[in-house]
Amino acid sequence: EVQLQASGGGLVQAGGSLRLSCTISGFEFDDYAIGWFRQAPGEQREPISCISSRDPNTFYADSVKGRFTISRDNAKNTVYLQMNSLKPEDTGVYYCTSRTYWGKGTQVTVSS
């Protein structure tokens, strides 16, 4: 059974930091790119960041570039999203995804 377990969300003041984690089981983690999406209230889900497999290349949406850092630990089957200098507009549910699978999401709320 494939599982993507996201965690690390919470309530933080603007300017603060959070680190999201996504632990994946059920397929060969090393072979696949992993992405993070965000869905703000009333909005469509949007791509935030992505990291490729063994020779990691990364992608960031313009809205988070310079503030968020994606990384992966293949030994732990886990991908991380370090989020710094958080803004109220970063509020939303953050989902990790790989192949066609999605985790349940973790809520991030940034207060002004």
Protein backbone atom coordinates (compact mmCIF):
# COMPACT_ATOMS: atom_id res chain seq x y z
CA GLU A 1 0.00 0.00 0.00
CA VAL A 2 1.34 3.41 -0.98
CA GLN A 3 1.29 6.02 1.77
CA LEU A 4 2.40 9.65 1.79
CA GLN A 5 2.37 11.04 5.30
CA ALA A 6 2.79 14.80 5.54
CA SER A 7 3.43 16.51 8.85
CA GLY A 8 4.90 19.65 10.38
CA GLY A 9 2.16 22.15 9.73
CA GLY A 10 0.85 24.51 12.34
CA LEU A 11 0.13 28.08 13.30
CA VAL A 12 2.97 30.57 13.03
CA GLN A 13 3.31 34.33 12.99
CA ALA A 14 4.37 36.14 9.86
CA GLY A 15 8.13 36.01 9.52
CA GLY A 16 8.34 32.67 11.25
CA SER A 17 9.44 29.28 9.98
CA LEU A 18 8.10 25.77 9.68
CA ARG A 19 9.53 22.57 8.30
CA LEU A 20 7.19 20.16 6.60
CA SER A 21 8.03 16.50 6.20
CA CYS A 22 6.58 13.90 3.89
CA THR A 23 7.42 10.27 4.50
CA ILE A 24 6.59 7.88 1.70
CA SER A 25 6.19 4.12 1.70
CA GLY A 26 4.99 1.56 -0.77
CA PHE A 27 7.25 2.26 -3.72
CA GLU A 28 10.92 2.84 -4.49
CA PHE A 29 11.33 6.35 -3.12
CA ASP A 30 14.73 6.94 -4.73
CA ASP A 31 13.39 6.61 -8.27
CA TYR A 32 10.81 9.37 -8.28
CA ALA A 33 10.46 13.09 -8.05
CA ILE A 34 8.48 14.47 -5.12
CA GLY A 35 6.43 17.62 -5.13
CA TRP A 36 4.67 19.93 -2.73
CA PHE A 37 1.43 21.65 -3.61
CA ARG A 38 -0.55 24.20 -1.67
CA GLN A 39 -4.27 24.87 -1.58
CA ALA A 40 -5.34 28.15 -0.06
CA PRO A 41 -8.93 28.63 1.10
CA GLY A 42 -11.20 29.03 -1.92
CA GLU A 43 -8.34 28.54 -4.35
CA GLN A 44 -7.13 25.79 -6.61
CA ARG A 45 -4.25 23.57 -5.62
CA GLU A 46 -1.00 25.02 -6.93
CA PRO A 47 2.53 23.66 -7.27
CA ILE A 48 5.01 25.08 -4.78
CA SER A 49 8.15 23.05 -5.10
CA CYS A 50 9.51 19.85 -6.56
CA ILE A 51 12.69 17.83 -6.28
CA SER A 52 13.92 15.25 -8.73
CA SER A 53 15.23 11.82 -7.79
CA ARG A 54 18.87 10.82 -7.40
CA ASP A 55 20.64 13.86 -8.82
CA PRO A 56 18.36 16.39 -7.27
CA ASN A 57 17.20 19.33 -9.29
CA THR A 58 14.67 21.61 -7.69
CA PHE A 59 11.79 23.79 -8.75
CA TYR A 60 10.16 26.62 -6.82
CA ALA A 61 7.15 28.72 -7.57
CA ASP A 62 8.02 32.40 -7.87
CA SER A 63 5.93 33.13 -4.78
CA VAL A 64 8.21 31.06 -2.54
CA LYS A 65 11.58 31.34 -4.27
CA GLY A 66 14.28 32.43 -1.85
CA ARG A 67 12.16 31.56 1.20
CA PHE A 68 11.43 27.85 0.84
CA THR A 69 13.94 25.03 0.44
CA ILE A 70 13.08 21.50 -0.60
CA SER A 71 15.34 18.58 0.21
CA ARG A 72 15.15 14.82 0.40
CA ASP A 73 16.68 12.09 2.50
CA ASN A 74 16.53 8.91 0.46
CA ALA A 75 17.70 6.84 3.42
CA LYS A 76 14.61 7.94 5.35
CA ASN A 77 12.18 7.99 2.40
CA THR A 78 11.39 11.55 3.42
CA VAL A 79 11.21 14.87 1.65
CA TYR A 80 11.32 18.16 3.53
CA LEU A 81 10.10 21.65 2.83
CA GLN A 82 11.81 24.27 4.95
CA MET A 83 9.67 27.39 4.94
CA ASN A 84 11.20 30.63 6.18
CA SER A 85 9.97 34.21 6.25
CA LEU A 86 6.40 32.97 6.13
CA LYS A 87 3.69 35.33 4.98
CA PRO A 88 -0.09 35.24 5.57
CA GLU A 89 -0.52 34.35 1.88
CA ASP A 90 1.39 31.11 2.53
CA THR A 91 -1.62 29.89 4.50
CA GLY A 92 -3.17 26.74 3.14
CA VAL A 93 -3.12 22.99 3.15
CA TYR A 94 0.17 21.61 1.93
CA TYR A 95 0.18 18.31 0.09
CA CYS A 96 3.05 16.12 -0.98
CA THR A 97 2.75 14.10 -4.13
CA SER A 98 4.70 11.60 -6.17
CA ARG A 99 3.73 9.70 -9.28
CA THR A 100 -0.07 9.73 -9.08
CA TYR A 101 -0.26 9.57 -5.31
CA TRP A 102 -1.18 12.31 -2.86
CA GLY A 103 -0.88 12.62 0.88
CA LYS A 104 -3.71 13.96 3.03
CA GLY A 105 -2.10 17.33 3.57
CA THR A 106 -0.98 19.37 6.52
CA GLN A 107 -2.45 22.74 7.47
CA VAL A 108 -0.21 25.80 7.59
CA THR A 109 -1.65 28.99 9.01
CA VAL A 110 0.37 32.19 9.05
CA SER A 111 -1.04 35.00 11.14
CA SER A 112 -0.30 38.64 10.43
